[in-house]
Amino acid sequence: MPGGRRSQYADRESRRGVFVSRKIGRESSRASRARHPVPLPARILYTAWMLAWVPLILFTAGAQNFWWLCNCALFIVLVATWFPSPLLVSSQAGTVTVVGIVWGLDFVAGLVTGQSPTGITVYMFEPALPLVQRLASTYHLWFPIYAVWLCGRQGYDDRGPWLQCVIGSLAIVGGWWFGDPERNLNYTHAPFGIEQTWLPDAVYLPLLCVATAAALYWPGHRIVRWVLVKTRSDAFSE
């Protein structure tokens, strides 16, 4: 092949190689963006849990039970499981982590001593409640792990606790408004079993919202951040 033609041929092949390389790069980039941060098996398993848990609670406890903060979190995390949102999952991770730790310690203490020290797991030892309902409540033990894992997969958003202040306050007011007083949803009527009679509701409920944020949302935020840093996660989003 003459030198001129050989040079033109090499030039065409070089340009074609660049075009193919760029095309592959664009396709790879699109595939990377399209890749879901939550593996499909995890999404299916969590959804299966919700499909079993929701009718169980409706049948055994009624829809009012969904106003509990951790029960609300189950629905919010379900949305974030399929539609990734660092802000949504970050808003719930801290709350369920603190509740899960306290719930777990109280439950173990109850198993050892025969009674719940704080009263938050006393229902777990009531034979009158269906066993399946009590077993379903053990989600408090694994749900924090799943929520923090999601933060590691999707990213952690420091605005989460602020959003939870809004969501949690709505759940507290909703539990007070729609819930039966004897259910004491989110402790709107009797904090830790002590009947609230010393303050009017218009004063007590805002104080409860602030106290819940101070006791759950912000300590949980610190714990989740610490866990993600300790596991050397690059989960933090700007």
Protein backbone atom coordinates (compact mmCIF):
# COMPACT_ATOMS: atom_id res chain seq x y z
CA MET A 1 0.00 0.00 0.00
CA PRO A 2 1.47 3.40 -0.97
CA GLY A 3 2.59 5.59 1.89
CA GLY A 4 -0.14 8.24 1.34
CA ARG A 5 -2.99 5.74 1.36
CA ARG A 6 -1.52 3.93 4.32
CA SER A 7 -1.41 7.21 6.21
CA GLN A 8 -5.02 8.06 5.33
CA TYR A 9 -6.17 4.57 6.33
CA ALA A 10 -4.37 4.80 9.67
CA ASP A 11 -5.89 8.21 10.27
CA ARG A 12 -9.43 6.93 9.57
CA GLU A 13 -8.91 3.95 11.89
CA SER A 14 -7.56 6.23 14.58
CA ARG A 15 -10.60 8.52 14.36
CA ARG A 16 -12.91 5.47 14.36
CA GLY A 17 -11.16 4.16 17.47
CA VAL A 18 -11.65 7.50 19.21
CA PHE A 19 -15.35 7.52 18.23
CA VAL A 20 -15.88 3.95 19.50
CA SER A 21 -14.01 4.75 22.70
CA ARG A 22 -16.14 7.84 23.31
CA LYS A 23 -19.33 5.89 22.56
CA ILE A 24 -18.36 3.15 24.99
CA GLY A 25 -17.46 5.78 27.56
CA ARG A 26 -20.85 7.49 27.21
CA GLU A 27 -22.68 4.16 27.47
CA SER A 28 -20.63 3.21 30.51
CA SER A 29 -21.39 6.57 32.10
CA ARG A 30 -25.13 6.18 31.45
CA ALA A 31 -25.06 2.65 32.85
CA SER A 32 -23.25 3.90 35.93
CA ARG A 33 -25.84 6.61 36.50
CA ALA A 34 -28.67 4.13 35.94
CA ARG A 35 -27.27 1.60 38.41
CA HIS A 36 -29.46 1.54 41.52
CA PRO A 37 -27.51 2.04 44.77
CA VAL A 38 -29.65 -0.54 46.58
CA PRO A 39 -29.22 -4.12 45.32
CA LEU A 40 -32.40 -5.66 43.96
CA PRO A 41 -32.48 -8.54 46.50
CA ALA A 42 -32.44 -6.01 49.35
CA ARG A 43 -35.27 -4.04 47.78
CA ILE A 44 -37.34 -7.17 47.27
CA LEU A 45 -36.74 -8.48 50.80
CA TYR A 46 -37.63 -5.18 52.45
CA THR A 47 -40.73 -4.80 50.30
CA ALA A 48 -41.77 -8.36 51.17
CA TRP A 49 -41.40 -7.49 54.84
CA MET A 50 -43.65 -4.45 54.43
CA LEU A 51 -46.23 -6.46 52.48
CA ALA A 52 -46.40 -8.88 55.42
CA TRP A 53 -46.11 -6.32 58.23
CA VAL A 54 -48.74 -3.80 57.10
CA PRO A 55 -51.73 -6.20 57.00
CA LEU A 56 -50.54 -7.84 60.22
CA ILE A 57 -50.58 -4.51 62.08
CA LEU A 58 -53.90 -3.52 60.52
CA PHE A 59 -55.44 -6.80 61.69
CA THR A 60 -53.90 -6.98 65.18
CA ALA A 61 -53.42 -3.34 66.22
CA GLY A 62 -55.27 -1.13 63.76
CA ALA A 63 -54.17 1.76 61.55
CA GLN A 64 -53.58 4.03 64.56
CA ASN A 65 -50.41 2.09 65.28
CA PHE A 66 -48.78 3.50 62.16
CA TRP A 67 -48.41 6.88 63.91
CA TRP A 68 -45.54 5.59 66.03
CA LEU A 69 -42.33 7.27 64.89
CA CYS A 70 -40.56 4.03 64.00
CA ASN A 71 -43.60 2.73 62.14
CA CYS A 72 -43.70 5.94 60.11
CA ALA A 73 -40.00 5.40 59.41
CA LEU A 74 -40.71 1.99 57.88
CA PHE A 75 -42.86 3.60 55.19
CA ILE A 76 -40.43 6.46 54.54
CA VAL A 77 -37.50 4.08 54.20
CA LEU A 78 -39.55 1.94 51.81
CA VAL A 79 -39.86 4.95 49.51
CA ALA A 80 -36.11 5.66 49.81
CA THR A 81 -35.36 2.00 49.11
CA TRP A 82 -36.89 2.20 45.63
CA PHE A 83 -36.40 5.89 44.93
CA PRO A 84 -32.97 6.75 46.36
CA SER A 85 -32.99 9.86 48.51
CA PRO A 86 -30.11 10.52 50.91
CA LEU A 87 -32.23 13.20 52.59
CA LEU A 88 -35.17 10.88 53.26
CA VAL A 89 -33.16 7.95 54.56
CA SER A 90 -30.91 10.24 56.61
CA SER A 91 -33.97 11.77 58.27
CA GLN A 92 -34.96 8.37 59.66
CA ALA A 93 -31.67 6.61 60.33
CA GLY A 94 -30.80 8.51 63.50
CA THR A 95 -34.23 8.14 65.05
CA VAL A 96 -34.53 4.39 64.49
CA THR A 97 -30.95 3.86 65.64
CA VAL A 98 -31.49 5.47 69.04
CA VAL A 99 -34.88 3.80 69.48
CA GLY A 100 -33.42 0.47 68.38
CA ILE A 101 -30.59 0.66 70.91
CA VAL A 102 -32.88 1.60 73.80
CA TRP A 103 -35.55 -0.88 72.73
CA GLY A 104 -33.02 -3.69 72.41
CA LEU A 105 -31.39 -3.03 75.78
CA ASP A 106 -34.77 -2.78 77.48
CA PHE A 107 -35.98 -6.00 75.85
CA VAL A 108 -32.87 -7.94 76.86
CA ALA A 109 -33.17 -6.60 80.40
CA GLY A 110 -36.79 -7.71 80.41
CA LEU A 111 -35.81 -11.20 79.33
CA VAL A 112 -33.26 -11.39 82.13
CA THR A 113 -35.25 -9.77 84.94
CA GLY A 114 -38.78 -10.61 83.84
CA GLN A 115 -39.91 -6.99 83.47
CA SER A 116 -39.21 -4.00 81.26
CA PRO A 117 -37.06 -1.43 83.14
CA THR A 118 -38.39 1.56 81.19
CA GLY A 119 -41.75 0.19 80.11
CA ILE A 120 -41.14 0.63 76.38
CA THR A 121 -41.07 -3.12 75.74
CA VAL A 122 -43.56 -4.16 78.41
CA TYR A 123 -45.99 -5.21 75.67
CA MET A 124 -43.49 -7.83 74.51
CA PHE A 125 -44.18 -9.76 77.73
CA GLU A 126 -47.97 -9.57 77.62
CA PRO A 127 -49.43 -13.00 76.78
CA ALA A 128 -52.71 -11.36 75.78
CA LEU A 129 -51.05 -9.88 72.68
CA PRO A 130 -50.76 -12.24 69.70
CA LEU A 131 -47.31 -13.79 69.50
CA VAL A 132 -46.99 -12.89 65.83
CA GLN A 133 -47.59 -9.23 66.66
CA ARG A 134 -44.88 -9.30 69.31
CA LEU A 135 -42.46 -11.06 66.98
CA ALA A 136 -43.12 -8.44 64.29
CA SER A 137 -42.05 -5.74 66.74
CA THR A 138 -38.53 -7.19 66.83
CA TYR A 139 -37.88 -5.22 63.65
CA HIS A 140 -36.50 -2.60 66.04
CA LEU A 141 -33.40 -4.81 66.25
CA TRP A 142 -32.55 -5.06 62.53
CA PHE A 143 -34.17 -1.95 61.08
CA PRO A 144 -31.48 0.47 62.35
CA ILE A 145 -28.81 -1.67 60.67
CA TYR A 146 -30.70 -1.54 57.39
CA ALA A 147 -31.27 2.22 57.62
CA VAL A 148 -27.59 2.96 58.33
CA TRP A 149 -26.58 0.58 55.54
CA LEU A 150 -28.85 2.52 53.17
CA CYS A 151 -27.08 5.72 54.22
CA GLY A 152 -23.81 4.07 53.29
CA ARG A 153 -25.19 3.09 49.89
CA GLN A 154 -27.03 6.31 49.02
CA GLY A 155 -25.10 8.94 50.95
CA TYR A 156 -25.75 10.74 54.20
CA ASP A 157 -27.38 14.17 54.20
CA ASP A 158 -26.79 16.37 57.25
CA ARG A 159 -30.15 18.02 56.69
CA GLY A 160 -31.84 14.78 57.70
CA PRO A 161 -32.43 15.66 61.37
CA TRP A 162 -34.03 18.96 60.37
CA LEU A 163 -36.45 17.17 58.07
CA GLN A 164 -37.15 14.65 60.84
CA CYS A 165 -38.07 17.51 63.16
CA VAL A 166 -40.93 18.24 60.77
CA ILE A 167 -41.89 14.61 60.09
CA GLY A 168 -41.64 13.63 63.76
CA SER A 169 -43.69 16.59 64.93
CA LEU A 170 -46.41 15.72 62.42
CA ALA A 171 -46.38 12.11 63.67
CA ILE A 172 -46.61 13.24 67.29
CA VAL A 173 -49.52 15.59 66.63
CA GLY A 174 -51.16 13.00 64.38
CA GLY A 175 -50.88 10.33 67.05
CA TRP A 176 -52.39 12.67 69.61
CA TRP A 177 -55.23 13.76 67.31
CA PHE A 178 -56.17 10.44 65.72
CA GLY A 179 -55.02 7.98 68.37
CA ASP A 180 -56.97 6.69 71.35
CA PRO A 181 -55.55 8.11 74.61
CA GLU A 182 -55.05 4.62 76.04
CA ARG A 183 -52.69 3.82 73.17
CA ASN A 184 -50.44 6.70 74.23
CA LEU A 185 -48.93 7.01 70.76
CA ASN A 186 -45.49 8.63 70.87
CA TYR A 187 -46.11 9.31 74.57
CA THR A 188 -48.60 12.06 73.81
CA HIS A 189 -50.69 11.25 76.89
CA ALA A 190 -48.43 9.47 79.36
CA PRO A 191 -44.66 9.78 78.97
CA PHE A 192 -43.14 6.48 80.12
CA GLY A 193 -46.45 5.47 81.64
CA ILE A 194 -46.84 8.60 83.79
CA GLU A 195 -50.13 10.29 83.00
CA GLN A 196 -49.60 13.83 81.76
CA THR A 197 -51.95 16.10 83.72
CA TRP A 198 -49.72 18.98 84.75
CA LEU A 199 -49.66 20.90 81.43
CA PRO A 200 -52.33 21.80 78.87
CA ASP A 201 -51.95 19.95 75.57
CA ALA A 202 -51.22 23.20 73.75
CA VAL A 203 -48.06 23.51 75.86
CA TYR A 204 -47.18 19.86 76.36
CA LEU A 205 -47.21 18.81 72.69
CA PRO A 206 -44.71 21.45 71.47
CA LEU A 207 -42.47 20.60 74.43
CA LEU A 208 -42.76 16.92 73.55
CA CYS A 209 -41.73 17.65 69.96
CA VAL A 210 -38.66 19.57 71.14
CA ALA A 211 -37.76 16.94 73.73
CA THR A 212 -38.09 14.15 71.16
CA ALA A 213 -35.78 15.98 68.79
CA ALA A 214 -33.24 16.49 71.55
CA ALA A 215 -33.45 12.89 72.76
CA LEU A 216 -33.70 11.05 69.42
CA TYR A 217 -33.03 12.97 66.23
CA TRP A 218 -29.83 14.81 67.08
CA PRO A 219 -28.10 12.09 69.15
CA GLY A 220 -29.06 9.64 66.40
CA HIS A 221 -27.54 11.97 63.81
CA ARG A 222 -24.25 11.92 65.71
CA ILE A 223 -24.30 8.14 66.08
CA VAL A 224 -25.00 7.50 62.40
CA ARG A 225 -22.27 9.88 61.29
CA TRP A 226 -19.83 8.24 63.68
CA VAL A 227 -20.69 4.76 62.39
CA LEU A 228 -20.28 5.81 58.77
CA VAL A 229 -16.93 7.45 59.48
CA LYS A 230 -15.70 4.44 61.46
CA THR A 231 -16.61 2.13 58.58
CA ARG A 232 -14.70 4.46 56.25
CA SER A 233 -17.78 5.13 54.18
CA ASP A 234 -17.77 7.85 51.56
CA ALA A 235 -21.44 8.33 52.26
CA PHE A 236 -21.48 12.01 53.07
CA SER A 237 -23.11 14.20 50.49
CA GLU A 238 -22.57 17.92 50.23
